[in-house]
N, C-alpha and C. Protein backbone atom coordinates (compact mmCIF):
# COMPACT_ATOMS: atom_id res chain seq x y z
N MET A 1 107.17 49.41 63.49
CA MET A 1 107.19 47.94 63.48
C MET A 1 107.13 47.40 64.90
N LEU A 2 107.86 47.99 65.82
CA LEU A 2 107.86 47.53 67.20
C LEU A 2 106.48 47.71 67.82
N LYS A 3 105.84 48.84 67.56
CA LYS A 3 104.52 49.07 68.12
C LYS A 3 103.52 48.05 67.59
N LYS A 4 103.61 47.72 66.30
CA LYS A 4 102.70 46.73 65.75
C LYS A 4 102.92 45.38 66.41
N PHE A 5 104.18 45.04 66.68
CA PHE A 5 104.49 43.77 67.33
C PHE A 5 103.92 43.74 68.74
N VAL A 6 104.04 44.86 69.44
CA VAL A 6 103.48 44.94 70.79
C VAL A 6 101.97 44.78 70.75
N VAL A 7 101.32 45.38 69.76
CA VAL A 7 99.87 45.25 69.63
C VAL A 7 99.48 43.79 69.45
N LEU A 8 100.23 43.08 68.62
CA LEU A 8 99.94 41.66 68.39
C LEU A 8 100.11 40.86 69.67
N LEU A 9 101.12 41.19 70.47
CA LEU A 9 101.33 40.50 71.73
C LEU A 9 100.17 40.74 72.69
N VAL A 10 99.70 41.96 72.73
CA VAL A 10 98.60 42.29 73.61
C VAL A 10 97.35 41.50 73.22
N ILE A 11 97.02 41.51 71.93
CA ILE A 11 95.84 40.78 71.46
C ILE A 11 96.01 39.29 71.72
N GLY A 12 97.21 38.79 71.42
CA GLY A 12 97.47 37.37 71.64
C GLY A 12 97.33 37.00 73.09
N GLY A 13 97.81 37.87 73.98
CA GLY A 13 97.69 37.61 75.42
C GLY A 13 96.26 37.57 75.87
N VAL A 14 95.45 38.43 75.34
CA VAL A 14 94.03 38.46 75.70
C VAL A 14 93.34 37.18 75.25
N LEU A 15 93.63 36.75 74.01
CA LEU A 15 93.01 35.52 73.49
C LEU A 15 93.44 34.31 74.29
N THR A 16 94.71 34.27 74.69
CA THR A 16 95.19 33.16 75.50
C THR A 16 94.49 33.14 76.85
N GLY A 17 94.34 34.31 77.43
CA GLY A 17 93.65 34.41 78.71
C GLY A 17 92.22 33.94 78.61
N CYS A 18 91.58 34.22 77.51
CA CYS A 18 90.18 33.80 77.33
C CYS A 18 90.08 32.29 77.22
N SER A 19 90.98 31.67 76.50
CA SER A 19 90.92 30.22 76.32
C SER A 19 91.25 29.48 77.60
N ASP A 20 92.00 30.09 78.49
CA ASP A 20 92.37 29.45 79.75
C ASP A 20 91.25 29.53 80.78
N LYS A 21 90.31 30.41 80.55
CA LYS A 21 89.24 30.60 81.53
C LYS A 21 87.89 30.49 80.83
N LEU A 22 87.54 29.26 80.39
CA LEU A 22 86.32 29.07 79.65
C LEU A 22 85.07 29.24 80.49
N ASP A 23 85.23 29.23 81.82
CA ASP A 23 84.08 29.35 82.71
C ASP A 23 83.70 30.79 82.99
N GLU A 24 84.44 31.78 82.44
CA GLU A 24 84.10 33.18 82.67
C GLU A 24 82.81 33.50 81.94
N THR A 25 82.06 34.45 82.44
CA THR A 25 80.80 34.83 81.84
C THR A 25 81.04 35.57 80.53
N THR A 26 79.99 35.62 79.69
CA THR A 26 80.08 36.34 78.41
C THR A 26 80.34 37.81 78.65
N GLU A 27 79.72 38.35 79.70
CA GLU A 27 79.91 39.77 80.01
C GLU A 27 81.36 40.07 80.35
N GLU A 28 81.98 39.19 81.13
CA GLU A 28 83.39 39.38 81.50
C GLU A 28 84.29 39.30 80.27
N LEU A 29 83.97 38.36 79.37
CA LEU A 29 84.76 38.24 78.14
C LEU A 29 84.62 39.49 77.29
N ASN A 30 83.40 40.01 77.22
CA ASN A 30 83.18 41.22 76.44
C ASN A 30 83.98 42.39 77.00
N LYS A 31 84.05 42.46 78.35
CA LYS A 31 84.84 43.52 78.97
C LYS A 31 86.31 43.40 78.60
N LYS A 32 86.82 42.15 78.59
CA LYS A 32 88.22 41.94 78.22
C LYS A 32 88.44 42.36 76.77
N ASP A 33 87.47 42.02 75.89
CA ASP A 33 87.60 42.40 74.48
C ASP A 33 87.62 43.92 74.34
N GLU A 34 86.79 44.59 75.13
CA GLU A 34 86.75 46.04 75.06
C GLU A 34 88.08 46.64 75.50
N VAL A 35 88.66 46.08 76.55
CA VAL A 35 89.97 46.55 77.02
C VAL A 35 91.04 46.33 75.96
N ALA A 36 91.02 45.14 75.35
CA ALA A 36 92.01 44.83 74.31
C ALA A 36 91.86 45.77 73.12
N LEU A 37 90.60 46.03 72.73
CA LEU A 37 90.35 46.91 71.59
C LEU A 37 90.80 48.33 71.91
N SER A 38 90.50 48.78 73.14
CA SER A 38 90.91 50.12 73.55
C SER A 38 92.43 50.25 73.56
N THR A 39 93.10 49.20 74.09
CA THR A 39 94.57 49.21 74.13
C THR A 39 95.14 49.28 72.72
N THR A 40 94.56 48.48 71.81
CA THR A 40 95.04 48.46 70.43
C THR A 40 94.86 49.82 69.77
N LYS A 41 93.69 50.43 69.98
CA LYS A 41 93.43 51.74 69.39
C LYS A 41 94.41 52.79 69.93
N ASN A 42 94.68 52.71 71.22
CA ASN A 42 95.62 53.66 71.83
C ASN A 42 97.01 53.51 71.25
N MET A 43 97.43 52.25 71.04
CA MET A 43 98.77 52.01 70.49
C MET A 43 98.86 52.49 69.05
N ILE A 44 97.79 52.24 68.29
CA ILE A 44 97.77 52.71 66.92
C ILE A 44 97.81 54.23 66.90
N ALA A 45 97.04 54.83 67.82
CA ALA A 45 97.02 56.30 67.91
C ALA A 45 98.40 56.84 68.27
N ASP A 46 99.09 56.14 69.20
CA ASP A 46 100.45 56.55 69.56
C ASP A 46 101.37 56.48 68.36
N SER A 47 101.22 55.40 67.57
CA SER A 47 102.06 55.24 66.38
C SER A 47 101.79 56.34 65.38
N ASP A 48 100.50 56.66 65.17
CA ASP A 48 100.13 57.72 64.25
C ASP A 48 100.65 59.06 64.75
N SER A 49 100.55 59.28 66.07
CA SER A 49 101.02 60.53 66.65
C SER A 49 102.50 60.71 66.43
N THR A 50 103.27 59.64 66.62
CA THR A 50 104.72 59.71 66.39
C THR A 50 105.02 60.05 64.94
N ALA A 51 104.30 59.41 64.02
CA ALA A 51 104.50 59.68 62.60
C ALA A 51 104.14 61.12 62.27
N ASN A 52 103.05 61.62 62.86
CA ASN A 52 102.63 63.00 62.62
C ASN A 52 103.66 63.99 63.16
N ILE A 53 104.20 63.69 64.32
CA ILE A 53 105.21 64.57 64.92
C ILE A 53 106.45 64.62 64.03
N GLU A 54 106.90 63.46 63.56
CA GLU A 54 108.08 63.42 62.70
C GLU A 54 107.84 64.18 61.40
N GLU A 55 106.64 64.00 60.83
CA GLU A 55 106.31 64.70 59.59
C GLU A 55 106.28 66.21 59.82
N TYR A 56 105.66 66.60 60.92
CA TYR A 56 105.58 68.02 61.26
C TYR A 56 106.97 68.62 61.45
N LEU A 57 107.81 67.93 62.23
CA LEU A 57 109.15 68.45 62.51
C LEU A 57 109.99 68.53 61.24
N ASN A 58 109.84 67.55 60.35
CA ASN A 58 110.57 67.58 59.09
C ASN A 58 110.13 68.76 58.23
N ASP A 59 108.81 68.99 58.18
CA ASP A 59 108.31 70.13 57.41
C ASP A 59 108.78 71.45 58.02
N MET A 60 108.70 71.54 59.35
CA MET A 60 109.09 72.78 60.01
C MET A 60 110.58 73.03 59.86
N GLN A 61 111.37 71.97 59.84
CA GLN A 61 112.81 72.13 59.66
C GLN A 61 113.12 72.78 58.31
N LYS A 62 112.37 72.40 57.28
CA LYS A 62 112.56 72.99 55.96
C LYS A 62 112.26 74.49 56.00
N PHE A 63 111.19 74.84 56.72
CA PHE A 63 110.84 76.26 56.83
C PHE A 63 111.89 77.02 57.62
N LYS A 64 112.43 76.39 58.67
CA LYS A 64 113.48 77.04 59.45
C LYS A 64 114.72 77.28 58.59
N GLU A 65 115.06 76.30 57.76
CA GLU A 65 116.20 76.47 56.87
C GLU A 65 115.94 77.60 55.88
N ASN A 66 114.68 77.71 55.42
CA ASN A 66 114.33 78.79 54.50
C ASN A 66 114.48 80.15 55.16
N ILE A 67 114.20 80.20 56.47
CA ILE A 67 114.34 81.48 57.19
C ILE A 67 115.77 81.99 57.07
N TYR A 68 116.73 81.11 57.33
CA TYR A 68 118.13 81.51 57.26
C TYR A 68 118.52 81.92 55.83
N ILE A 69 118.00 81.18 54.87
CA ILE A 69 118.30 81.50 53.47
C ILE A 69 117.73 82.86 53.10
N GLU A 70 116.47 83.11 53.51
CA GLU A 70 115.82 84.37 53.17
C GLU A 70 116.50 85.55 53.87
N LEU A 71 116.85 85.36 55.13
CA LEU A 71 117.50 86.45 55.85
C LEU A 71 118.87 86.77 55.26
N LYS A 72 119.60 85.72 54.88
CA LYS A 72 120.91 85.95 54.27
C LYS A 72 120.77 86.66 52.93
N ALA A 73 119.73 86.29 52.19
CA ALA A 73 119.50 86.94 50.89
C ALA A 73 119.18 88.41 51.09
N MET A 74 118.31 88.71 52.06
CA MET A 74 117.96 90.11 52.31
C MET A 74 119.14 90.89 52.90
N GLU A 75 119.96 90.20 53.68
CA GLU A 75 121.16 90.84 54.21
C GLU A 75 122.09 91.25 53.07
N ALA A 76 122.23 90.35 52.11
CA ALA A 76 123.09 90.64 50.96
C ALA A 76 122.54 91.80 50.13
N LEU A 77 121.21 91.81 49.97
CA LEU A 77 120.59 92.90 49.22
C LEU A 77 120.72 94.23 49.97
N SER A 78 120.59 94.18 51.30
CA SER A 78 120.75 95.39 52.10
C SER A 78 122.15 95.95 51.99
N GLN A 79 123.13 95.04 51.97
CA GLN A 79 124.51 95.48 51.84
C GLN A 79 124.74 96.17 50.50
N LYS A 80 124.11 95.62 49.46
CA LYS A 80 124.24 96.24 48.14
C LYS A 80 123.63 97.64 48.15
N MET A 81 122.48 97.75 48.83
CA MET A 81 121.83 99.05 48.88
C MET A 81 122.64 100.03 49.71
N ALA A 82 123.28 99.55 50.79
CA ALA A 82 124.11 100.41 51.61
C ALA A 82 125.30 100.92 50.81
N ASP A 83 125.84 100.04 49.97
CA ASP A 83 126.98 100.43 49.13
C ASP A 83 126.55 101.36 48.01
N ASN A 84 125.33 101.15 47.53
CA ASN A 84 124.84 101.96 46.41
C ASN A 84 123.34 102.20 46.57
N PRO A 85 122.93 103.26 47.28
CA PRO A 85 121.51 103.52 47.53
C PRO A 85 120.66 103.58 46.26
N LEU A 86 121.26 103.96 45.15
CA LEU A 86 120.50 104.09 43.91
C LEU A 86 120.10 102.73 43.33
N ILE A 87 120.63 101.67 43.92
CA ILE A 87 120.34 100.34 43.37
C ILE A 87 118.87 99.98 43.54
N ILE A 88 118.17 100.65 44.48
CA ILE A 88 116.76 100.34 44.67
C ILE A 88 115.91 100.79 43.48
N GLU A 89 116.53 101.52 42.54
CA GLU A 89 115.84 101.89 41.32
C GLU A 89 116.04 100.84 40.23
N ASP A 90 116.87 99.85 40.52
CA ASP A 90 117.14 98.81 39.54
C ASP A 90 116.02 97.77 39.54
N LYS A 91 115.45 97.49 38.38
CA LYS A 91 114.30 96.58 38.28
C LYS A 91 114.65 95.17 38.74
N GLU A 92 115.83 94.71 38.41
CA GLU A 92 116.23 93.36 38.82
C GLU A 92 116.34 93.28 40.34
N PHE A 93 116.87 94.32 40.95
CA PHE A 93 116.99 94.36 42.40
C PHE A 93 115.60 94.32 43.05
N VAL A 94 114.69 95.15 42.55
CA VAL A 94 113.33 95.18 43.08
C VAL A 94 112.65 93.83 42.90
N SER A 95 112.89 93.19 41.76
CA SER A 95 112.28 91.89 41.49
C SER A 95 112.76 90.84 42.49
N ARG A 96 114.02 90.89 42.84
CA ARG A 96 114.56 89.93 43.81
C ARG A 96 113.97 90.16 45.19
N VAL A 97 113.83 91.44 45.56
CA VAL A 97 113.27 91.77 46.87
C VAL A 97 111.81 91.32 46.96
N THR A 98 111.02 91.64 45.94
CA THR A 98 109.61 91.27 45.96
C THR A 98 109.44 89.75 45.92
N GLY A 99 110.36 89.07 45.25
CA GLY A 99 110.30 87.61 45.21
C GLY A 99 110.51 87.00 46.59
N ILE A 100 111.47 87.54 47.32
CA ILE A 100 111.73 87.05 48.68
C ILE A 100 110.55 87.36 49.59
N ALA A 101 110.01 88.56 49.46
CA ALA A 101 108.86 88.95 50.29
C ALA A 101 107.68 88.03 50.04
N LYS A 102 107.44 87.69 48.80
CA LYS A 102 106.34 86.79 48.46
C LYS A 102 106.56 85.41 49.06
N GLU A 103 107.79 84.94 49.01
CA GLU A 103 108.11 83.63 49.58
C GLU A 103 107.85 83.61 51.08
N VAL A 104 108.22 84.69 51.77
CA VAL A 104 107.97 84.77 53.22
C VAL A 104 106.48 84.73 53.50
N ARG A 105 105.70 85.48 52.72
CA ARG A 105 104.25 85.50 52.93
C ARG A 105 103.64 84.13 52.66
N ASP A 106 104.09 83.49 51.61
CA ASP A 106 103.57 82.16 51.26
C ASP A 106 103.88 81.15 52.37
N ASN A 107 105.10 81.22 52.91
CA ASN A 107 105.48 80.30 53.99
C ASN A 107 104.63 80.53 55.24
N TYR A 108 104.41 81.79 55.55
CA TYR A 108 103.59 82.13 56.73
C TYR A 108 102.16 81.60 56.56
N LYS A 109 101.62 81.77 55.38
CA LYS A 109 100.27 81.28 55.09
C LYS A 109 100.20 79.76 55.23
N PHE A 110 101.21 79.08 54.71
CA PHE A 110 101.22 77.61 54.78
C PHE A 110 101.31 77.14 56.24
N ILE A 111 102.17 77.78 57.01
CA ILE A 111 102.36 77.38 58.41
C ILE A 111 101.08 77.59 59.22
N LYS A 112 100.34 78.68 58.92
CA LYS A 112 99.10 78.93 59.64
C LYS A 112 98.06 77.84 59.36
N GLU A 113 98.20 77.15 58.22
CA GLU A 113 97.22 76.14 57.83
C GLU A 113 97.70 74.71 58.11
N MET A 114 98.88 74.57 58.72
CA MET A 114 99.44 73.24 58.99
C MET A 114 98.63 72.50 60.05
N ASP A 115 98.61 71.17 59.91
CA ASP A 115 98.08 70.32 60.98
C ASP A 115 99.18 70.16 62.03
N VAL A 116 98.85 70.50 63.26
CA VAL A 116 99.86 70.52 64.32
C VAL A 116 99.54 69.46 65.38
N PRO A 117 100.49 68.57 65.68
CA PRO A 117 100.30 67.60 66.76
C PRO A 117 100.05 68.33 68.08
N ASP A 118 99.18 67.77 68.91
CA ASP A 118 98.84 68.42 70.17
C ASP A 118 100.08 68.70 71.02
N GLU A 119 101.06 67.78 70.95
CA GLU A 119 102.25 67.93 71.78
C GLU A 119 103.08 69.17 71.40
N LEU A 120 102.84 69.69 70.19
CA LEU A 120 103.68 70.78 69.68
C LEU A 120 102.91 72.07 69.43
N LEU A 121 101.72 72.19 70.02
CA LEU A 121 100.91 73.38 69.81
C LEU A 121 101.61 74.64 70.33
N ASN A 122 102.24 74.54 71.49
CA ASN A 122 102.92 75.70 72.05
C ASN A 122 104.11 76.10 71.19
N TYR A 123 104.87 75.10 70.74
CA TYR A 123 106.00 75.38 69.85
C TYR A 123 105.51 76.03 68.56
N HIS A 124 104.40 75.52 68.03
CA HIS A 124 103.88 76.06 66.77
C HIS A 124 103.46 77.51 66.94
N SER A 125 102.86 77.83 68.09
CA SER A 125 102.45 79.21 68.32
C SER A 125 103.66 80.14 68.34
N ARG A 126 104.78 79.65 68.84
CA ARG A 126 106.01 80.45 68.83
C ARG A 126 106.53 80.64 67.41
N MET A 127 106.43 79.58 66.61
CA MET A 127 106.87 79.69 65.23
C MET A 127 105.98 80.63 64.42
N LEU A 128 104.69 80.67 64.75
CA LEU A 128 103.80 81.63 64.10
C LEU A 128 104.24 83.06 64.39
N GLU A 129 104.70 83.30 65.62
CA GLU A 129 105.21 84.63 65.97
C GLU A 129 106.45 84.96 65.16
N VAL A 130 107.29 83.94 64.95
CA VAL A 130 108.50 84.14 64.14
C VAL A 130 108.12 84.59 62.74
N PHE A 131 107.20 83.86 62.13
CA PHE A 131 106.85 84.16 60.74
C PHE A 131 106.02 85.44 60.62
N LYS A 132 105.31 85.79 61.67
CA LYS A 132 104.59 87.07 61.66
C LYS A 132 105.58 88.22 61.57
N GLU A 133 106.64 88.15 62.39
CA GLU A 133 107.66 89.19 62.35
C GLU A 133 108.41 89.19 61.02
N LEU A 134 108.66 88.00 60.50
CA LEU A 134 109.32 87.92 59.20
C LEU A 134 108.46 88.56 58.11
N GLU A 135 107.16 88.31 58.16
CA GLU A 135 106.27 88.89 57.16
C GLU A 135 106.22 90.41 57.28
N LEU A 136 106.14 90.91 58.52
CA LEU A 136 106.15 92.35 58.72
C LEU A 136 107.42 92.97 58.15
N GLY A 137 108.54 92.32 58.45
CA GLY A 137 109.80 92.81 57.93
C GLY A 137 109.89 92.74 56.42
N ALA A 138 109.42 91.62 55.86
CA ALA A 138 109.46 91.44 54.41
C ALA A 138 108.57 92.44 53.71
N ASN A 139 107.41 92.73 54.31
CA ASN A 139 106.50 93.72 53.71
C ASN A 139 107.13 95.11 53.69
N LEU A 140 107.79 95.47 54.79
CA LEU A 140 108.48 96.75 54.83
C LEU A 140 109.62 96.79 53.82
N TYR A 141 110.30 95.66 53.73
CA TYR A 141 111.42 95.57 52.79
C TYR A 141 110.93 95.79 51.36
N GLU A 142 109.82 95.12 51.04
CA GLU A 142 109.25 95.26 49.70
C GLU A 142 108.72 96.68 49.47
N LYS A 143 108.01 97.21 50.46
CA LYS A 143 107.44 98.56 50.34
C LYS A 143 108.53 99.60 50.12
N GLY A 144 109.59 99.48 50.90
CA GLY A 144 110.68 100.43 50.75
C GLY A 144 111.34 100.36 49.39
N SER A 145 111.43 99.13 48.87
CA SER A 145 112.05 98.97 47.56
C SER A 145 111.18 99.57 46.46
N LEU A 146 109.89 99.28 46.51
CA LEU A 146 108.98 99.78 45.47
C LEU A 146 108.86 101.30 45.52
N GLU A 147 108.93 101.85 46.75
CA GLU A 147 108.82 103.31 46.89
C GLU A 147 110.18 103.99 46.86
N LYS A 148 111.22 103.18 46.65
CA LYS A 148 112.59 103.71 46.61
C LYS A 148 112.92 104.49 47.88
N ASN A 149 112.52 103.91 49.00
CA ASN A 149 112.72 104.54 50.30
C ASN A 149 113.66 103.67 51.12
N ALA A 150 114.92 104.09 51.18
CA ALA A 150 115.94 103.29 51.86
C ALA A 150 115.65 103.15 53.35
N GLU A 151 115.08 104.19 53.97
CA GLU A 151 114.82 104.15 55.40
C GLU A 151 113.79 103.07 55.75
N THR A 152 112.78 102.94 54.91
CA THR A 152 111.76 101.91 55.14
C THR A 152 112.36 100.52 55.02
N VAL A 153 113.23 100.35 54.05
CA VAL A 153 113.89 99.05 53.87
C VAL A 153 114.73 98.73 55.10
N LEU A 154 115.48 99.70 55.57
CA LEU A 154 116.33 99.47 56.73
C LEU A 154 115.51 99.26 58.01
N GLU A 155 114.32 99.88 58.06
CA GLU A 155 113.44 99.72 59.22
C GLU A 155 113.01 98.25 59.37
N SER A 156 112.94 97.56 58.26
CA SER A 156 112.50 96.15 58.29
C SER A 156 113.45 95.29 59.11
N SER A 157 114.70 95.70 59.24
CA SER A 157 115.68 94.89 59.95
C SER A 157 115.30 94.68 61.41
N ARG A 158 114.55 95.64 61.98
CA ARG A 158 114.12 95.50 63.37
C ARG A 158 113.25 94.26 63.54
N HIS A 159 112.37 94.04 62.58
CA HIS A 159 111.49 92.87 62.64
C HIS A 159 112.29 91.58 62.43
N PHE A 160 113.30 91.65 61.61
CA PHE A 160 114.11 90.45 61.38
C PHE A 160 114.89 90.07 62.64
N VAL A 161 115.37 91.08 63.36
CA VAL A 161 116.08 90.80 64.61
C VAL A 161 115.13 90.14 65.61
N VAL A 162 113.92 90.68 65.71
CA VAL A 162 112.92 90.10 66.60
C VAL A 162 112.61 88.66 66.19
N ALA A 163 112.50 88.43 64.88
CA ALA A 163 112.20 87.09 64.38
C ALA A 163 113.28 86.09 64.76
N VAL A 164 114.53 86.49 64.64
CA VAL A 164 115.63 85.60 64.99
C VAL A 164 115.62 85.28 66.48
N ASN A 165 115.36 86.29 67.31
CA ASN A 165 115.29 86.05 68.75
C ASN A 165 114.13 85.12 69.10
N LEU A 166 113.00 85.30 68.44
CA LEU A 166 111.85 84.43 68.66
C LEU A 166 112.14 83.01 68.19
N LEU A 167 112.90 82.91 67.11
CA LEU A 167 113.27 81.59 66.60
C LEU A 167 114.13 80.84 67.61
N ASP A 168 115.06 81.55 68.24
CA ASP A 168 115.88 80.94 69.29
C ASP A 168 115.00 80.45 70.44
N SER A 169 114.03 81.26 70.80
CA SER A 169 113.11 80.90 71.88
C SER A 169 112.29 79.67 71.50
N ALA A 170 111.84 79.63 70.26
CA ALA A 170 111.05 78.49 69.79
C ALA A 170 111.88 77.21 69.78
N THR A 171 113.14 77.34 69.40
CA THR A 171 114.04 76.18 69.39
C THR A 171 114.24 75.65 70.80
N THR A 172 114.39 76.57 71.75
CA THR A 172 114.51 76.17 73.16
C THR A 172 113.24 75.45 73.61
N GLU A 173 112.10 75.96 73.20
CA GLU A 173 110.82 75.33 73.54
C GLU A 173 110.75 73.92 72.97
N LEU A 174 111.21 73.76 71.73
CA LEU A 174 111.18 72.45 71.10
C LEU A 174 112.10 71.48 71.82
N ASN A 175 113.25 71.96 72.25
CA ASN A 175 114.21 71.09 72.93
C ASN A 175 113.69 70.57 74.26
N THR A 176 112.78 71.32 74.88
CA THR A 176 112.19 70.84 76.13
C THR A 176 111.18 69.73 75.88
N ILE A 177 110.68 69.66 74.65
CA ILE A 177 109.68 68.65 74.29
C ILE A 177 110.32 67.46 73.60
N TYR A 178 111.21 67.77 72.68
CA TYR A 178 111.78 66.75 71.82
C TYR A 178 113.30 66.87 71.82
N LYS A 179 113.95 65.93 72.40
CA LYS A 179 115.41 65.93 72.43
C LYS A 179 115.92 64.72 71.66
N ALA A 180 116.61 65.00 70.59
CA ALA A 180 117.10 63.92 69.75
C ALA A 180 118.24 63.18 70.44
N SER A 181 118.35 61.90 70.16
CA SER A 181 119.44 61.10 70.71
C SER A 181 120.72 61.37 69.93
N ASP A 182 121.84 61.02 70.55
CA ASP A 182 123.12 61.18 69.86
C ASP A 182 123.16 60.34 68.60
N ASP A 183 122.53 59.17 68.63
CA ASP A 183 122.50 58.30 67.46
C ASP A 183 121.76 58.97 66.30
N GLU A 184 120.64 59.62 66.61
CA GLU A 184 119.88 60.30 65.57
C GLU A 184 120.68 61.45 64.96
N ILE A 185 121.35 62.21 65.82
CA ILE A 185 122.15 63.33 65.35
C ILE A 185 123.31 62.83 64.49
N TYR A 186 123.95 61.76 64.95
CA TYR A 186 125.07 61.18 64.20
C TYR A 186 124.62 60.70 62.83
N ASP A 187 123.48 59.97 62.80
CA ASP A 187 122.96 59.46 61.53
C ASP A 187 122.66 60.60 60.57
N PHE A 188 122.10 61.69 61.09
CA PHE A 188 121.81 62.85 60.26
C PHE A 188 123.09 63.44 59.68
N MET A 189 124.13 63.50 60.51
CA MET A 189 125.40 64.06 60.04
C MET A 189 126.05 63.17 58.99
N VAL A 190 125.95 61.86 59.18
CA VAL A 190 126.48 60.93 58.18
C VAL A 190 125.76 61.13 56.85
N GLN A 191 124.44 61.22 56.90
CA GLN A 191 123.67 61.43 55.68
C GLN A 191 124.02 62.76 55.03
N SER A 192 124.24 63.78 55.86
CA SER A 192 124.61 65.09 55.33
C SER A 192 125.96 65.05 54.65
N TYR A 193 126.93 64.38 55.28
CA TYR A 193 128.24 64.20 54.65
C TYR A 193 128.10 63.51 53.30
N ASN A 194 127.33 62.43 53.27
CA ASN A 194 127.17 61.67 52.03
C ASN A 194 126.54 62.53 50.93
N GLY A 195 125.53 63.32 51.32
CA GLY A 195 124.87 64.16 50.34
C GLY A 195 125.74 65.28 49.82
N LEU A 196 126.52 65.88 50.71
CA LEU A 196 127.36 67.02 50.32
C LEU A 196 128.61 66.60 49.56
N THR A 197 129.09 65.40 49.82
CA THR A 197 130.39 64.99 49.26
C THR A 197 130.29 63.86 48.24
N ASN A 198 129.03 63.55 47.83
CA ASN A 198 128.84 62.43 46.91
C ASN A 198 129.44 61.16 47.49
N ASN A 199 129.00 60.84 48.71
CA ASN A 199 129.46 59.65 49.44
C ASN A 199 130.97 59.65 49.68
N GLY A 200 131.52 60.83 49.92
CA GLY A 200 132.92 60.94 50.29
C GLY A 200 133.88 61.22 49.15
N GLU A 201 133.40 61.13 47.93
CA GLU A 201 134.30 61.30 46.78
C GLU A 201 134.85 62.73 46.70
N ASN A 202 134.03 63.71 47.08
CA ASN A 202 134.45 65.11 46.96
C ASN A 202 134.67 65.76 48.32
N TYR A 203 135.02 64.95 49.31
CA TYR A 203 135.15 65.44 50.68
C TYR A 203 136.34 66.37 50.84
N ILE A 204 136.06 67.58 51.35
CA ILE A 204 137.10 68.56 51.68
C ILE A 204 136.87 68.97 53.13
N PRO A 205 137.71 68.51 54.05
CA PRO A 205 137.49 68.76 55.49
C PRO A 205 137.24 70.22 55.83
N GLU A 206 138.03 71.11 55.23
CA GLU A 206 137.92 72.53 55.56
C GLU A 206 136.57 73.11 55.20
N ILE A 207 135.90 72.48 54.25
CA ILE A 207 134.60 72.98 53.79
C ILE A 207 133.45 72.22 54.42
N HIS A 208 133.50 70.90 54.28
CA HIS A 208 132.32 70.09 54.63
C HIS A 208 132.15 69.85 56.12
N ASP A 209 133.22 69.82 56.88
CA ASP A 209 133.08 69.62 58.33
C ASP A 209 132.23 70.73 58.95
N GLY A 210 132.57 71.96 58.59
CA GLY A 210 131.81 73.09 59.13
C GLY A 210 130.37 73.11 58.64
N GLN A 211 130.17 72.74 57.37
CA GLN A 211 128.82 72.74 56.82
C GLN A 211 127.92 71.73 57.54
N VAL A 212 128.45 70.54 57.76
CA VAL A 212 127.66 69.49 58.41
C VAL A 212 127.37 69.84 59.86
N SER A 213 128.36 70.37 60.55
CA SER A 213 128.15 70.77 61.95
C SER A 213 127.08 71.85 62.06
N LYS A 214 127.10 72.78 61.11
CA LYS A 214 126.11 73.84 61.12
C LYS A 214 124.72 73.30 60.85
N LEU A 215 124.61 72.37 59.91
CA LEU A 215 123.31 71.77 59.60
C LEU A 215 122.74 71.06 60.82
N ALA A 216 123.58 70.31 61.51
CA ALA A 216 123.13 69.59 62.71
C ALA A 216 122.75 70.57 63.80
N SER A 217 123.52 71.64 63.92
CA SER A 217 123.24 72.66 64.93
C SER A 217 121.88 73.29 64.70
N GLU A 218 121.58 73.64 63.45
CA GLU A 218 120.32 74.29 63.13
C GLU A 218 119.14 73.34 63.25
N LYS A 219 119.35 72.08 62.89
CA LYS A 219 118.26 71.11 62.92
C LYS A 219 117.88 70.71 64.34
N TYR A 220 118.89 70.52 65.20
CA TYR A 220 118.63 69.98 66.54
C TYR A 220 118.77 71.00 67.67
N GLY A 221 119.09 72.24 67.32
CA GLY A 221 119.18 73.26 68.35
C GLY A 221 120.33 73.06 69.31
N ILE A 222 121.45 72.53 68.81
CA ILE A 222 122.64 72.35 69.63
C ILE A 222 123.76 73.18 69.02
N SER A 223 124.84 73.35 69.78
CA SER A 223 125.97 74.12 69.25
C SER A 223 126.72 73.27 68.22
N GLU A 224 127.46 73.94 67.37
CA GLU A 224 128.27 73.22 66.38
C GLU A 224 129.35 72.39 67.08
N GLU A 225 129.83 72.90 68.20
CA GLU A 225 130.85 72.15 68.96
C GLU A 225 130.26 70.85 69.51
N GLU A 226 129.01 70.92 69.97
CA GLU A 226 128.35 69.73 70.49
C GLU A 226 128.11 68.72 69.37
N ALA A 227 127.75 69.21 68.20
CA ALA A 227 127.56 68.32 67.04
C ALA A 227 128.88 67.63 66.69
N ASP A 228 129.97 68.39 66.71
CA ASP A 228 131.29 67.81 66.43
C ASP A 228 131.63 66.72 67.45
N ARG A 229 131.35 67.02 68.71
CA ARG A 229 131.66 66.06 69.78
C ARG A 229 130.90 64.75 69.56
N ILE A 230 129.62 64.86 69.25
CA ILE A 230 128.79 63.67 69.05
C ILE A 230 129.32 62.86 67.87
N TYR A 231 129.64 63.55 66.78
CA TYR A 231 130.10 62.83 65.58
C TYR A 231 131.42 62.12 65.84
N ILE A 232 132.35 62.83 66.44
CA ILE A 232 133.67 62.22 66.71
C ILE A 232 133.55 61.05 67.67
N GLN A 233 132.75 61.22 68.71
CA GLN A 233 132.55 60.16 69.69
C GLN A 233 131.96 58.90 69.05
N LYS A 234 130.98 59.10 68.20
CA LYS A 234 130.35 57.96 67.53
C LYS A 234 131.30 57.28 66.53
N GLU A 235 132.08 58.10 65.85
CA GLU A 235 133.05 57.55 64.89
C GLU A 235 134.10 56.71 65.61
N MET A 236 134.54 57.18 66.75
CA MET A 236 135.58 56.47 67.51
C MET A 236 135.07 55.18 68.14
N SER A 237 133.76 55.12 68.39
CA SER A 237 133.20 53.95 69.05
C SER A 237 132.75 52.87 68.06
N ARG A 238 132.91 53.16 66.77
CA ARG A 238 132.48 52.18 65.75
C ARG A 238 133.41 50.97 65.71
């Protein structure tokens, strides 16, 4: 809305300038019109770019959240296999593993086909490395399960460790480009509280405080302690 208002001011200023100088040549007026049109197009492009960046970051955040979910799921399955190696012969166990592996592959394919804002091309290339390692690990995980080979399944963990380290690096890269304001982080935490607690009706501090801090930490690449500080500071200043 602000950008549109600025565009209107620019156009209005140009028209006012034209009416004040009726003795200017047609060529000069045409040049002014070209400048105004160029300025307007640039502002619209800036607005579109901002919208594209926000859309991209929102989509990528969902994929990042899925990474943690998938890794935790595979960690739980690995623990079950460590406790009982014969479980890899269980059809339900194999079905769960192959389902996770397929989800990782599908996510990687989608990310490779995403439209990426120019400002985030380097970040995106880092995220592609993350999902490449995840896919390699997931494929090994699936292969080991289908072949009932515990060593192959455990070998996949190496790729998952690499993926997590790359994800940290990508988050650092993103923070150098896009740093959210305290207000944005606070608003996100408020919305998270509302969603998790049904607008406060089911609020349990011991449970929800940690959950919200973790969500903010993962979304914005800050520590949970920093998220807590921002939320408390904003609450006290209301």
